[in-house]
Every structure is written in C-alpha cells, then in structure tokens.
Amino acid sequence: MAKDDASTLPTTDAPARRIRWWPIAVALAVGGTLQLVATIVFGENRPYLDWACVFVIWPLTVFLLLLWWAFWSRLTWRTRGLGLLVLAGIGGSSLAAFRFDEFDGAMIPRFSPRWQPSKKDQAAKFFKSTTTNNASAPSESLAIESLVPIEGDWPAFRGPNRDDVVAGETLRIDWDARPPKQLWKHPIGSGWGAFAVIGRRAWTLEQRGENELCVCYDIETGCELWTHADAVRFSSPQGGVGPCSTPTVHDGKVFTQGATGILNCLDAATGQRVWTRNTLEDAGSPNLSWGQCGSPLIVDGLVIVSPGSNDLASQAVKSAVIAYHRGSGEKAWTAGNRIGSYASPHFATLHGVRQVLNYDGLGLMALSPENGHELWKFDWTNNPQVNAAQPILVDDQRVLIGSGYGQGSALIGFEQNDKSGSNDANARWQSKQFKLKFNSGVRRGDHFFGLDEGMLTCLSLQSGQRRWKQGRYGYGQLLLVEDKLLILTEEGDIVLVPATPESPRELARFHAIDGKTWNHPVLSRGRLLVRNSDEAACFDLR
C-alpha cells in the first residue's frame, strides 16, 4: 500500500539554479585594482604602463571571466560549451582574417586584413615593375647641379645644424582651401631614417629584401637616380626591419651608417663606393638591440660615429666612439668604454671649447674632436639604458636632454674648470616632463616643444615647468618653421601648430602617407619630404 501511495504522488522539477554573477564583479575588481596599481607604480612611464595593461592586466581579467563562464557561472554545460565554441570560432576567424604587422611606438601590436596585400608585397611589386636595378639617368640640368649645400638644403640628419629648425621658409596655413600639392608618392624599402637633400637630389637608406641600400632620388619626380647595396639585413621583433639612420652629405660624398654597423663613403653623384668600414668590428662590440641608429657626424676632416662598447665583459676596450679620416676611412682615434644607445653624435662649442656630444646609454659625454679626449660627462639613464632623442643646444653654456621610460628631462649647465681647462657639468633643473623617447624636441625662445610619450608638450626653459600638454600625435617627429611646429604624426598626418607658450589650437592638417611613421620630415625650399617603412612622398607647401 505504501508503495502504491508513493507511486501516485505528484513529481516536481528541481528548482533552477540562479546564475552566479558575483565572480564577474571580482574579476573586474581585480583588473581595476591592478590597473590602479600599475598607474601608481609606473606613473609617467607610459611604455611600461601600456605593456602591463596589454600583456598582463587585460589578459588576466579576460582569463578570469572565462573561468567564471566555464566553472562558476552555473549555466548549463550545453550553454557553456556553446559559448566557448563561439569564442574559439571568433578567435580562430580573427587569426585567419588578420595578420600581425608591427608594434607601434608604445609597443602595442598592430594588425591588418589578410585579404589586402601587405605593404611589403606592394613595395616588392613596385620595385620589380620599375626595374629598380636600372636607375634612371639624371637629366642634363640635374647632372650639372652643384653638390655643395647652400641655404635651403638639408644635407644631414635634422638639417644643416642638426636641430630640426627650418630657416628661410614661410608656410601658408590655408590647406583646406588650397591643399598642399602632391608631387609624387610611391612605395619605399623598409627603414626609419630620413632624407638628406641638396638641390634636387635626396638620399635615404632602405632595406629591400636581403640588401641594405642607399638610394638617391630626384626630389621633383621621385625617380631613382642610383642605388648602392650592401648584402646585410637587420630586423628586431619590436623595432622592425631596416636601417634607422640618415645619410650625411659633405663635399660631394655621402656618408652612411647602416643598422649592422657598415659605414660607407659614396660618391654623391654616382653612388660609387670610395671606402667602407665595419664600425662594430672596429669597436670589437656586438650590436645594439635595435641596431645602429646614429647618423655620421662630419667635423673638420673626420667622420665620427658611436657604435658603443656593448660587451659588458670587455669594458677595457675604449672604442664606444670612433673617428675616421674623411678622405681615406682610416681610424683617427677611438674613445670611451660606455654602452651605446640610439642618438647621433652632435657637435657643439661650449665656453669656447669645441666638442662632440655623445648621448649614450649612460648619459651625455663630451669628447674633444681633435683626439677623443673626454672633457666631461653627465649621468642620465633609465631602466633599459635607452637615450635616443638628440640634445638641444640652448647657448654656449646650456644643453637640454630628455629620455623616455619615465625618466624626463634635465637642463645641463657648464662652468669652466680653470685647473683642467674643461667644463664641469651640472643640472640647473630636472623634470619628469618632456620624456622624449626617440622623438627629438626643438626650442623657440624661452620654451621647448616636443612629443612627451606621444603628447605635444611645451616646457619652460627657465624653470622646467610644463606650460601645456595636449594633442596625441603618437611617436612622430616635428620641425620648427618660423613660429610654427610642423608635426608628422605616427599615423602619417601633417599638422601645423603654433609654437607658443599659450595653449594652442591646430592651424591645418592633411594626411600624407599610410603606415606607422617614426621618420623625421624634411622641408627644403618649400618641398616637404616624408617617408616611413612603407612609402615616401613629396608635397609642395609653397
């Protein structure tokens, strides 16, 4: 009877379990807390903060959310499995549809659609179609054009004075009504350097396949005049492919230093090699992580480069800076046993003393151009020992330096040491502002202007106080033209901004080239040359 009664009792389903939401709040709280901690710890060190977010904090937060979905959500196993399959499908489809291209200036990865031909494929097709190995013959007027630089030429890295200041040029700002005229645009070999310009000739360094080239272009047409190739290739996971320096043109010769340390002296008109040296072999030193980036400096009859003493076990070898005789390529002197970095040697006269400034991994060092004797040094370093922005000469008594990775800037003053005859260097002020990672700044009057970890910043020369910080232009480069800043952004835009201590507004903007753009722009006689690792273009700004 009891059995029968039990069989006749109504049955009821087990109560549905509610979805467990609190783990989501925990995952988001963990991510938010780590984000706050990273912001406090890294402070002004934007690259490290970005890396912590992109490669640690955000992936960890997503991983915790996936754990919630798979184990703690209380959803049915069928729902959980379908959700994970959908996510896997989205991830697989994304990997199939997009390819990794490169890292930007903050070391954030960039991707592009696989159905579009890559920039490198487009460049290879362009070089093949234009029969790169058969350079164009120069016109008669170009063939007889002088190779002696005059006002308006741009014969070296950052201009005739290596300071990114353009003299004698006037820019109009009505670009909306009259856009700058594009003279030419085409693919170019990989590389992160700029152009040197004399007259109608423009020289730059490129990587094409397994060859590193110096290429001479006609600035009016973009046609190749000649190429010189070395069978070397440099690539780094974060920095990308190709050379990073800019040719130096002097006395009818082109001096180039490639990413692997090959220093060439070439005939500027024909590209024929006069002499060559391997600076890393001469220094007895391994290469730097991002390759040799310094552009050769000409002082008197010398070519000066700074490969660095990068083998910490062999610091007795004093060859961090090397001077070669300009005519023969023979070594004149070597100096220093400090680890190298990515700035170029710079000439200065301080307190009447001629000297070569070398901004290396440990700070700023000054050498006598006659014999390489050390005159003074100023310690200034950061965690990765990367100093890449050029020093800014204020006058014969002061120099500004800046670096990224949270380091900031310092105004260095000099006093004559009567006993030694050299200069004693000390900091007039230091600031956490003006973190010039590899983006050199300029000075106008009592203020400095530059891209502080990608943001345009104005700094007081007298106090080191920031006047304003606005406009995200990425890790691009800039020129000072009269009272205006001409900025080539990391995205390839050209922007005009007043160089004023008052908070400015943009005057004009246009898009110049596609792709990540770290290269310095060049303005010569109203013609603006821009390039990156994908393409180059010339615009008439007159």
Protein backbone atom coordinates (compact mmCIF):
# COMPACT_ATOMS: atom_id res chain seq x y z
CA MET A 1 0.00 0.00 0.00
CA ALA A 2 2.76 2.45 0.91
CA LYS A 3 4.47 1.59 -2.30
CA ASP A 4 1.34 2.30 -4.33
CA ASP A 5 0.77 5.58 -2.50
CA ALA A 6 4.33 6.69 -3.25
CA SER A 7 3.93 5.94 -6.92
CA THR A 8 0.86 8.11 -7.16
CA LEU A 9 2.48 11.22 -5.56
CA PRO A 10 2.94 14.21 -7.99
CA THR A 11 6.53 14.83 -9.14
CA THR A 12 8.20 18.30 -9.28
CA ASP A 13 11.38 19.50 -11.12
CA ALA A 14 14.38 20.62 -9.07
CA PRO A 15 14.47 24.41 -8.69
CA ALA A 16 16.57 26.12 -11.42
CA ARG A 17 19.87 27.42 -10.13
CA ARG A 18 20.39 31.14 -10.44
CA ILE A 19 23.34 32.42 -12.45
CA ARG A 20 26.26 33.32 -10.20
CA TRP A 21 27.16 36.95 -11.03
CA TRP A 22 29.50 37.90 -8.21
CA PRO A 23 32.66 36.35 -9.82
CA ILE A 24 32.28 38.88 -12.65
CA ALA A 25 32.47 41.69 -10.10
CA VAL A 26 35.54 40.03 -8.54
CA ALA A 27 37.30 39.69 -11.93
CA LEU A 28 36.60 43.30 -12.84
CA ALA A 29 37.67 44.46 -9.35
CA VAL A 30 40.97 42.54 -9.71
CA GLY A 31 41.58 44.09 -13.13
CA GLY A 32 40.68 47.58 -11.92
CA THR A 33 42.91 47.26 -8.85
CA LEU A 34 45.86 46.06 -10.91
CA GLN A 35 45.25 48.92 -13.35
CA LEU A 36 45.34 51.41 -10.47
CA VAL A 37 48.49 49.85 -9.01
CA ALA A 38 50.23 49.88 -12.39
CA THR A 39 49.28 53.53 -12.90
CA ILE A 40 50.74 54.44 -9.49
CA VAL A 41 53.90 52.32 -9.86
CA PHE A 42 54.78 53.31 -13.41
CA GLY A 43 53.48 56.87 -13.21
CA GLU A 44 54.89 58.80 -16.15
CA ASN A 45 56.45 55.68 -17.67
CA ARG A 46 53.83 55.19 -20.36
CA PRO A 47 55.51 52.32 -22.26
CA TYR A 48 55.71 50.14 -19.14
CA LEU A 49 52.13 51.06 -18.20
CA ASP A 50 50.91 50.14 -21.70
CA TRP A 51 52.80 46.84 -21.62
CA ALA A 52 51.38 45.99 -18.19
CA CYS A 53 47.83 46.68 -19.41
CA VAL A 54 48.04 44.98 -22.81
CA PHE A 55 50.12 41.94 -21.89
CA VAL A 56 49.24 41.31 -18.19
CA ILE A 57 46.23 43.09 -16.72
CA TRP A 58 43.74 42.86 -19.57
CA PRO A 59 44.59 39.22 -20.48
CA LEU A 60 44.35 38.24 -16.80
CA THR A 61 40.93 39.90 -16.49
CA VAL A 62 39.67 38.11 -19.61
CA PHE A 63 41.07 34.81 -18.29
CA LEU A 64 39.17 35.25 -15.00
CA LEU A 65 35.97 35.97 -16.93
CA LEU A 66 36.50 32.80 -18.97
CA LEU A 67 36.97 30.81 -15.75
CA TRP A 68 33.68 32.24 -14.48
CA TRP A 69 31.89 31.26 -17.66
CA ALA A 70 33.34 27.73 -17.69
CA PHE A 71 33.19 26.78 -13.99
CA TRP A 72 31.44 29.32 -11.77
CA SER A 73 28.52 30.71 -13.80
CA ARG A 74 26.01 27.87 -13.05
CA LEU A 75 24.85 27.98 -16.65
CA THR A 76 24.04 24.63 -18.23
CA TRP A 77 27.01 22.75 -19.59
CA ARG A 78 25.44 22.95 -23.02
CA THR A 79 25.34 26.77 -22.83
CA ARG A 80 28.89 26.97 -21.52
CA GLY A 81 30.21 24.68 -24.26
CA LEU A 82 28.43 26.62 -26.98
CA GLY A 83 29.77 29.90 -25.61
CA LEU A 84 33.36 28.62 -25.57
CA LEU A 85 32.95 27.27 -29.10
CA VAL A 86 31.68 30.67 -30.29
CA LEU A 87 34.64 32.42 -28.65
CA ALA A 88 37.08 29.92 -30.16
CA GLY A 89 35.46 30.46 -33.54
CA ILE A 90 35.77 34.23 -33.24
CA GLY A 91 39.42 33.90 -32.18
CA GLY A 92 40.27 31.48 -34.96
CA SER A 93 38.49 33.60 -37.55
CA SER A 94 40.35 36.69 -36.37
CA LEU A 95 43.70 34.93 -36.66
CA ALA A 96 42.76 33.72 -40.12
CA ALA A 97 41.48 37.14 -41.24
CA PHE A 98 44.14 39.42 -39.74
CA ARG A 99 47.94 39.29 -39.68
CA PHE A 100 50.35 40.87 -37.23
CA ASP A 101 52.23 43.71 -38.88
CA GLU A 102 54.30 45.56 -36.29
CA PHE A 103 54.46 47.28 -32.93
CA ASP A 104 53.70 50.99 -32.67
CA GLY A 105 55.76 53.49 -30.68
CA ALA A 106 54.17 52.40 -27.41
CA MET A 107 54.95 48.77 -28.35
CA ILE A 108 51.27 47.93 -28.89
CA PRO A 109 50.78 45.33 -31.68
CA ARG A 110 49.14 46.37 -34.95
CA PHE A 111 47.21 44.09 -37.32
CA SER A 112 45.92 44.36 -40.88
CA PRO A 113 43.45 42.30 -43.01
CA ARG A 114 44.99 39.29 -44.74
CA TRP A 115 42.80 39.84 -47.81
CA GLN A 116 44.71 43.05 -48.53
CA PRO A 117 48.24 42.75 -49.95
CA SER A 118 50.85 43.72 -47.39
CA LYS A 119 52.81 46.91 -47.77
CA LYS A 120 55.97 44.87 -48.29
CA ASP A 121 54.33 42.88 -51.09
CA GLN A 122 53.18 46.11 -52.72
CA ALA A 123 56.68 47.54 -52.45
CA ALA A 124 58.29 44.43 -53.94
CA LYS A 125 55.83 44.55 -56.84
CA PHE A 126 56.57 48.24 -57.36
CA PHE A 127 60.35 47.73 -57.37
CA LYS A 128 60.00 44.86 -59.83
CA SER A 129 57.75 46.82 -62.17
CA THR A 130 60.09 49.82 -62.19
CA THR A 131 63.21 47.68 -62.74
CA THR A 132 64.95 49.00 -59.67
CA ASN A 133 68.36 47.75 -60.71
CA ASN A 134 68.35 50.09 -63.71
CA ALA A 135 68.30 53.52 -62.10
CA SER A 136 67.04 56.49 -64.07
CA ALA A 137 69.62 58.60 -65.82
CA PRO A 138 69.71 62.14 -64.43
CA SER A 139 68.60 64.97 -66.65
CA GLU A 140 71.26 67.28 -68.03
CA SER A 141 70.28 70.07 -65.62
CA LEU A 142 70.44 67.68 -62.67
CA ALA A 143 73.74 66.18 -63.81
CA ILE A 144 75.48 69.56 -63.64
CA GLU A 145 73.74 70.68 -60.45
CA SER A 146 76.16 71.54 -57.64
CA LEU A 147 76.54 69.17 -54.70
CA VAL A 148 77.71 71.99 -52.43
CA PRO A 149 74.94 72.72 -49.90
CA ILE A 150 73.53 76.24 -49.79
CA GLU A 151 70.74 77.86 -47.79
CA GLY A 152 67.58 75.82 -48.12
CA ASP A 153 69.38 72.48 -48.45
CA TRP A 154 69.11 69.73 -45.84
CA PRO A 155 72.43 67.87 -46.04
CA ALA A 156 72.31 65.90 -42.79
CA PHE A 157 70.12 64.40 -40.09
CA ARG A 158 67.71 67.10 -38.81
CA GLY A 159 69.11 69.71 -41.18
CA PRO A 160 72.28 71.75 -41.66
CA ASN A 161 72.59 72.41 -37.91
CA ARG A 162 71.12 69.02 -36.90
CA ASP A 163 68.39 70.73 -34.85
CA ASP A 164 65.12 70.33 -36.87
CA VAL A 165 64.92 74.11 -37.30
CA VAL A 166 63.99 75.28 -40.81
CA ALA A 167 65.49 78.63 -41.83
CA GLY A 168 64.20 80.94 -44.55
CA GLU A 169 60.91 79.12 -45.17
CA THR A 170 57.39 80.57 -44.95
CA LEU A 171 54.33 78.34 -44.69
CA ARG A 172 50.77 79.20 -45.65
CA ILE A 173 48.05 77.67 -43.49
CA ASP A 174 45.02 77.68 -45.85
CA TRP A 175 45.34 73.96 -46.51
CA ASP A 176 41.57 73.42 -46.54
CA ALA A 177 41.13 75.92 -49.38
CA ARG A 178 44.40 75.06 -51.13
CA PRO A 179 45.64 71.60 -50.13
CA PRO A 180 49.39 71.01 -50.48
CA LYS A 181 50.18 69.70 -53.95
CA GLN A 182 51.45 66.13 -54.06
CA LEU A 183 54.47 65.95 -56.36
CA TRP A 184 54.83 62.17 -56.05
CA LYS A 185 54.18 59.19 -53.77
CA HIS A 186 55.31 55.58 -54.09
CA PRO A 187 56.43 52.52 -52.06
CA ILE A 188 59.85 52.53 -50.49
CA GLY A 189 62.13 49.99 -48.83
CA SER A 190 61.88 49.47 -45.07
CA GLY A 191 63.72 51.88 -42.82
CA TRP A 192 63.28 54.51 -40.13
CA GLY A 193 65.70 57.23 -41.21
CA ALA A 194 65.04 60.45 -43.11
CA PHE A 195 66.26 62.15 -46.29
CA ALA A 196 69.31 64.31 -46.84
CA VAL A 197 68.70 66.88 -49.60
CA ILE A 198 70.90 69.07 -51.79
CA GLY A 199 69.20 70.76 -54.72
CA ARG A 200 67.06 68.19 -56.49
CA ARG A 201 68.86 65.17 -55.06
CA ALA A 202 67.59 63.33 -51.98
CA TRP A 203 69.38 60.39 -50.30
CA THR A 204 67.97 57.87 -47.83
CA LEU A 205 68.60 54.32 -46.54
CA GLU A 206 66.26 51.41 -47.24
CA GLN A 207 66.03 47.64 -46.71
CA ARG A 208 64.91 45.74 -49.81
CA GLY A 209 64.88 42.01 -49.30
CA GLU A 210 68.31 40.91 -48.13
CA ASN A 211 70.05 44.13 -49.21
CA GLU A 212 70.50 47.38 -47.34
CA LEU A 213 70.57 50.25 -49.84
CA CYS A 214 71.47 53.89 -50.04
CA VAL A 215 69.13 55.34 -52.67
CA CYS A 216 69.39 58.70 -54.43
CA TYR A 217 66.10 60.17 -55.71
CA ASP A 218 65.12 63.12 -57.86
CA ILE A 219 63.11 65.18 -55.39
CA GLU A 220 60.93 66.66 -58.14
CA THR A 221 59.81 63.35 -59.67
CA GLY A 222 60.57 60.65 -57.09
CA CYS A 223 62.57 58.71 -59.70
CA GLU A 224 65.65 56.78 -58.61
CA LEU A 225 68.96 58.16 -59.81
CA TRP A 226 71.17 55.43 -58.33
CA THR A 227 71.34 52.79 -55.61
CA HIS A 228 74.20 51.28 -53.65
CA ALA A 229 73.59 47.91 -51.95
CA ASP A 230 75.23 46.01 -49.08
CA ALA A 231 74.22 42.37 -48.63
CA VAL A 232 73.10 42.73 -44.99
CA ARG A 233 69.73 42.76 -43.25
CA PHE A 234 68.72 43.89 -39.78
CA SER A 235 65.45 43.10 -38.03
CA SER A 236 64.23 43.23 -34.44
CA PRO A 237 60.90 41.97 -33.05
CA GLN A 238 59.80 45.37 -31.75
CA GLY A 239 61.68 47.82 -33.96
CA GLY A 240 61.00 46.11 -37.27
CA VAL A 241 63.14 45.80 -40.38
CA GLY A 242 65.71 48.13 -41.84
CA PRO A 243 68.23 50.88 -41.11
CA CYS A 244 67.37 53.77 -38.80
CA SER A 245 69.95 56.44 -39.64
CA THR A 246 70.07 59.29 -42.17
CA PRO A 247 72.84 59.89 -44.73
CA THR A 248 75.22 62.82 -44.30
CA VAL A 249 76.26 64.65 -47.49
CA HIS A 250 79.52 66.60 -47.43
CA ASP A 251 81.99 67.75 -50.07
CA GLY A 252 80.47 65.65 -52.86
CA LYS A 253 80.36 62.48 -50.75
CA VAL A 254 77.54 60.62 -48.98
CA PHE A 255 78.37 59.05 -45.61
CA THR A 256 76.00 56.35 -44.37
CA GLN A 257 75.95 54.04 -41.36
CA GLY A 258 73.65 51.03 -41.68
CA ALA A 259 71.90 49.10 -38.94
CA THR A 260 74.60 46.41 -38.84
CA GLY A 261 77.40 48.95 -38.48
CA ILE A 262 78.60 49.28 -42.09
CA LEU A 263 79.96 52.80 -42.65
CA ASN A 264 80.18 53.79 -46.32
CA CYS A 265 81.65 56.78 -48.11
CA LEU A 266 79.96 57.05 -51.52
CA ASP A 267 80.24 59.43 -54.43
CA ALA A 268 77.13 61.60 -54.07
CA ALA A 269 76.57 61.92 -57.82
CA THR A 270 77.04 58.28 -58.84
CA GLY A 271 76.81 56.10 -55.73
CA GLN A 272 80.24 54.56 -56.36
CA ARG A 273 81.87 53.46 -53.12
CA VAL A 274 85.00 55.36 -52.08
CA TRP A 275 85.68 53.41 -48.89
CA THR A 276 83.88 51.30 -46.30
CA ARG A 277 84.37 50.23 -42.66
CA ASN A 278 82.52 47.95 -40.26
CA THR A 279 82.19 50.08 -37.14
CA LEU A 280 81.13 47.20 -34.88
CA GLU A 281 84.16 45.16 -35.91
CA ASP A 282 86.37 48.21 -35.34
CA ALA A 283 84.77 48.68 -31.92
CA GLY A 284 85.07 44.98 -31.08
CA SER A 285 81.49 45.19 -29.89
CA PRO A 286 78.20 43.37 -30.51
CA ASN A 287 75.28 45.28 -31.99
CA LEU A 288 72.57 47.04 -30.01
CA SER A 289 69.09 45.55 -29.62
CA TRP A 290 67.60 47.93 -32.19
CA GLY A 291 70.70 48.17 -34.35
CA GLN A 292 72.99 51.09 -35.12
CA CYS A 293 70.83 54.23 -35.41
CA GLY A 294 73.33 57.08 -35.30
CA SER A 295 73.85 59.28 -38.35
CA PRO A 296 77.51 60.10 -39.18
CA LEU A 297 78.82 63.46 -37.97
CA ILE A 298 81.36 65.40 -40.03
CA VAL A 299 83.78 67.56 -38.02
CA ASP A 300 86.80 69.03 -39.79
CA GLY A 301 88.35 66.14 -41.72
CA LEU A 302 86.72 63.44 -39.60
CA VAL A 303 83.66 61.19 -39.79
CA ILE A 304 82.50 60.42 -36.26
CA VAL A 305 80.17 57.55 -35.27
CA SER A 306 79.24 55.96 -31.94
CA PRO A 307 78.80 52.16 -32.13
CA GLY A 308 79.17 51.80 -28.35
CA SER A 309 81.12 49.36 -26.18
CA ASN A 310 78.22 46.96 -25.78
CA ASP A 311 80.06 43.89 -24.49
CA LEU A 312 79.92 44.43 -20.74
CA ALA A 313 82.59 41.78 -20.21
CA SER A 314 85.12 43.73 -22.29
CA GLN A 315 84.84 47.26 -20.94
CA ALA A 316 88.60 47.75 -21.16
CA VAL A 317 88.25 48.36 -24.89
CA LYS A 318 87.79 52.09 -25.37
CA SER A 319 86.02 52.28 -28.71
CA ALA A 320 82.48 53.44 -27.98
CA VAL A 321 83.09 56.44 -30.26
CA ILE A 322 85.24 56.21 -33.39
CA ALA A 323 86.58 58.98 -35.64
CA TYR A 324 87.70 58.10 -39.19
CA HIS A 325 89.66 60.23 -41.62
CA ARG A 326 87.11 61.53 -44.09
CA GLY A 327 89.25 61.02 -47.16
CA SER A 328 90.68 57.56 -46.54
CA GLY A 329 88.45 55.88 -43.95
CA GLU A 330 91.43 55.17 -41.71
CA LYS A 331 90.83 55.39 -37.97
CA ALA A 332 91.93 58.68 -36.41
CA TRP A 333 91.01 57.93 -32.79
CA THR A 334 88.73 55.86 -30.58
CA ALA A 335 87.33 56.83 -27.20
CA GLY A 336 85.05 55.75 -24.38
CA ASN A 337 84.06 52.40 -22.90
CA ARG A 338 80.36 53.13 -22.34
CA ILE A 339 77.37 51.19 -23.59
CA GLY A 340 75.93 52.67 -26.76
CA SER A 341 72.45 53.94 -27.46
CA TYR A 342 70.45 55.36 -30.36
CA ALA A 343 71.20 59.09 -30.61
CA SER A 344 73.64 60.56 -33.15
CA PRO A 345 76.89 62.37 -32.29
CA HIS A 346 76.39 66.12 -32.07
CA PHE A 347 78.86 68.99 -32.44
CA ALA A 348 78.83 71.92 -30.01
CA THR A 349 81.00 74.79 -28.80
CA LEU A 350 80.61 75.32 -25.04
CA HIS A 351 82.52 78.05 -23.24
CA GLY A 352 84.60 78.40 -26.40
CA VAL A 353 85.62 74.73 -26.37
CA ARG A 354 84.80 72.70 -29.49
CA GLN A 355 83.42 69.29 -28.56
CA VAL A 356 81.45 66.27 -29.74
CA LEU A 357 78.44 65.39 -27.61
CA ASN A 358 77.62 61.70 -27.43
CA TYR A 359 74.30 60.73 -25.80
CA ASP A 360 74.76 57.07 -24.91
CA GLY A 361 73.11 54.53 -22.62
CA LEU A 362 74.64 56.09 -19.50
CA GLY A 363 74.07 59.77 -20.26
CA LEU A 364 75.78 62.64 -22.06
CA MET A 365 79.52 62.65 -22.67
CA ALA A 366 81.66 65.29 -24.40
CA LEU A 367 84.84 64.49 -26.33
CA SER A 368 87.50 66.59 -27.98
CA PRO A 369 87.15 66.28 -31.77
CA GLU A 370 90.92 66.52 -32.14
CA ASN A 371 91.87 63.40 -30.17
CA GLY A 372 88.77 61.93 -28.47
CA HIS A 373 89.85 63.10 -25.00
CA GLU A 374 86.92 63.11 -22.56
CA LEU A 375 86.01 66.65 -21.50
CA TRP A 376 83.08 65.97 -19.17
CA LYS A 377 80.12 63.66 -18.66
CA PHE A 378 76.63 63.88 -17.14
CA ASP A 379 74.95 60.69 -15.89
CA TRP A 380 71.40 60.25 -17.19
CA THR A 381 69.93 56.83 -17.71
CA ASN A 382 66.75 54.79 -17.44
CA ASN A 383 65.96 51.11 -16.91
CA PRO A 384 66.58 49.89 -20.49
CA GLN A 385 69.50 52.33 -20.91
CA VAL A 386 67.89 53.90 -23.98
CA ASN A 387 68.70 57.54 -24.78
CA ALA A 388 67.62 58.25 -28.35
CA ALA A 389 66.47 61.89 -28.65
CA GLN A 390 69.07 64.45 -29.68
CA PRO A 391 70.40 67.01 -27.15
CA ILE A 392 69.06 70.53 -27.65
CA LEU A 393 71.70 73.26 -27.58
CA VAL A 394 70.39 76.36 -25.81
CA ASP A 395 73.54 78.51 -25.94
CA ASP A 396 77.25 78.06 -25.22
CA GLN A 397 76.50 77.29 -21.57
CA ARG A 398 73.37 75.10 -21.53
CA VAL A 399 72.10 71.88 -23.13
CA LEU A 400 68.75 70.14 -22.65
CA ILE A 401 68.45 66.35 -22.70
CA GLY A 402 65.34 64.21 -22.44
CA SER A 403 64.52 60.50 -22.50
CA GLY A 404 61.54 58.20 -22.15
CA TYR A 405 60.66 55.26 -19.91
CA GLY A 406 59.63 57.64 -17.11
CA GLN A 407 62.99 59.45 -16.96
CA GLY A 408 62.08 63.00 -18.06
CA SER A 409 64.45 65.86 -18.88
CA ALA A 410 67.30 67.94 -17.49
CA LEU A 411 68.83 71.30 -18.34
CA ILE A 412 72.61 70.94 -18.06
CA GLY A 413 74.77 73.98 -17.30
CA PHE A 414 78.53 74.28 -17.71
CA GLU A 415 81.22 76.13 -15.82
CA GLN A 416 84.82 76.47 -16.93
CA ASN A 417 87.24 74.48 -14.78
CA ASP A 418 90.34 76.66 -14.61
CA LYS A 419 92.55 73.80 -13.41
CA SER A 420 91.71 71.24 -16.09
CA GLY A 421 90.64 73.63 -18.84
CA SER A 422 87.50 71.56 -19.38
CA ASN A 423 83.84 72.12 -18.46
CA ASP A 424 82.10 70.92 -15.32
CA ALA A 425 78.50 69.86 -16.00
CA ASN A 426 75.64 70.10 -13.53
CA ALA A 427 71.85 70.08 -13.67
CA ARG A 428 70.21 73.51 -13.50
CA TRP A 429 66.89 71.70 -13.16
CA GLN A 430 65.37 68.26 -13.68
CA SER A 431 61.80 67.40 -14.62
CA LYS A 432 59.65 64.31 -15.08
CA GLN A 433 58.16 66.13 -18.07
CA PHE A 434 59.46 66.13 -21.64
CA LYS A 435 60.03 62.38 -21.89
CA LEU A 436 61.49 62.33 -25.39
CA LYS A 437 61.60 58.61 -26.18
CA PHE A 438 63.07 58.71 -29.69
CA ASN A 439 61.38 61.93 -30.75
CA SER A 440 63.69 64.93 -30.64
CA GLY A 441 62.39 68.32 -29.49
CA VAL A 442 63.03 71.89 -30.59
CA ARG A 443 63.50 75.23 -28.86
CA ARG A 444 61.85 78.57 -29.63
CA GLY A 445 62.73 81.47 -27.37
CA ASP A 446 62.30 80.52 -23.72
CA HIS A 447 60.39 77.32 -24.39
CA PHE A 448 60.96 73.77 -25.60
CA PHE A 449 58.45 71.84 -27.68
CA GLY A 450 58.35 68.08 -28.20
CA LEU A 451 56.33 64.88 -28.07
CA ASP A 452 56.30 63.67 -24.47
CA GLU A 453 55.48 59.96 -24.87
CA GLY A 454 53.32 60.90 -27.85
CA MET A 455 51.69 64.07 -26.49
CA LEU A 456 52.76 67.53 -27.66
CA THR A 457 54.26 69.42 -24.72
CA CYS A 458 55.59 72.91 -24.04
CA LEU A 459 58.24 73.25 -21.32
CA SER A 460 59.71 76.40 -19.79
CA LEU A 461 63.43 76.80 -20.41
CA GLN A 462 63.94 78.78 -17.22
CA SER A 463 62.13 76.58 -14.72
CA GLY A 464 61.44 73.22 -16.37
CA GLN A 465 57.76 73.66 -15.60
CA ARG A 466 55.25 72.38 -18.11
CA ARG A 467 53.21 75.13 -19.76
CA TRP A 468 50.79 72.81 -21.53
CA LYS A 469 50.41 69.25 -22.76
CA GLN A 470 47.79 68.44 -25.39
CA GLY A 471 47.28 66.67 -28.68
CA ARG A 472 48.06 62.96 -29.12
CA TYR A 473 50.30 62.74 -32.18
CA GLY A 474 51.95 59.44 -31.27
CA TYR A 475 55.64 58.80 -31.75
CA GLY A 476 56.05 61.07 -34.75
CA GLN A 477 58.56 63.86 -35.36
CA LEU A 478 58.44 67.64 -35.74
CA LEU A 479 60.15 70.66 -37.28
CA LEU A 480 60.21 74.30 -36.21
CA VAL A 481 59.29 76.57 -39.14
CA GLU A 482 59.23 80.27 -38.16
CA ASP A 483 56.72 80.35 -35.27
CA LYS A 484 55.01 77.07 -36.15
CA LEU A 485 55.53 73.41 -35.40
CA LEU A 486 55.19 71.13 -38.41
CA ILE A 487 54.36 67.70 -36.97
CA LEU A 488 54.49 64.42 -38.85
CA THR A 489 52.31 62.17 -36.70
CA GLU A 490 52.81 58.46 -36.13
CA GLU A 491 49.73 57.87 -38.32
CA GLY A 492 51.22 59.82 -41.26
CA ASP A 493 49.32 63.13 -40.90
CA ILE A 494 50.97 66.54 -41.29
CA VAL A 495 49.78 69.03 -38.67
CA LEU A 496 50.62 72.71 -38.10
CA VAL A 497 50.50 74.00 -34.51
CA PRO A 498 51.67 77.42 -33.23
CA ALA A 499 54.90 77.24 -31.21
CA THR A 500 53.56 79.31 -28.34
CA PRO A 501 53.59 79.04 -24.54
CA GLU A 502 49.84 79.61 -24.62
CA SER A 503 47.62 76.57 -25.13
CA PRO A 504 47.41 76.33 -28.95
CA ARG A 505 44.96 75.00 -31.49
CA GLU A 506 45.73 73.22 -34.74
CA LEU A 507 46.09 75.55 -37.72
CA ALA A 508 45.99 72.97 -40.51
CA ARG A 509 46.16 69.22 -41.18
CA PHE A 510 46.30 66.77 -44.07
CA HIS A 511 47.05 63.07 -44.47
CA ALA A 512 50.41 62.49 -46.16
CA ILE A 513 51.34 58.79 -46.04
CA ASP A 514 49.93 55.49 -44.73
CA GLY A 515 51.56 53.28 -42.14
CA LYS A 516 53.48 53.66 -38.90
CA THR A 517 55.63 56.79 -39.25
CA TRP A 518 58.61 57.34 -36.97
CA ASN A 519 60.79 59.11 -39.55
CA HIS A 520 61.80 62.76 -39.46
CA PRO A 521 60.20 65.03 -42.10
CA VAL A 522 62.37 67.26 -44.29
CA LEU A 523 61.45 70.71 -45.63
CA SER A 524 63.70 72.07 -48.37
CA ARG A 525 62.72 75.10 -50.47
CA GLY A 526 59.03 74.56 -49.84
CA ARG A 527 59.16 70.86 -50.71
CA LEU A 528 58.17 68.55 -47.87
CA LEU A 529 59.66 65.06 -47.98
CA VAL A 530 58.10 62.40 -45.77
CA ARG A 531 58.66 58.68 -45.51
CA ASN A 532 58.15 55.69 -43.27
CA SER A 533 58.90 52.00 -43.64
CA ASP A 534 56.26 51.58 -46.36
CA GLU A 535 56.14 54.61 -48.64
CA ALA A 536 57.59 58.04 -49.37
CA ALA A 537 56.01 61.22 -50.73
CA CYS A 538 56.86 64.80 -51.61
CA PHE A 539 54.49 67.76 -51.26
CA ASP A 540 54.76 71.37 -52.38
CA LEU A 541 53.98 73.60 -49.39
CA ARG A 542 54.85 76.85 -51.13
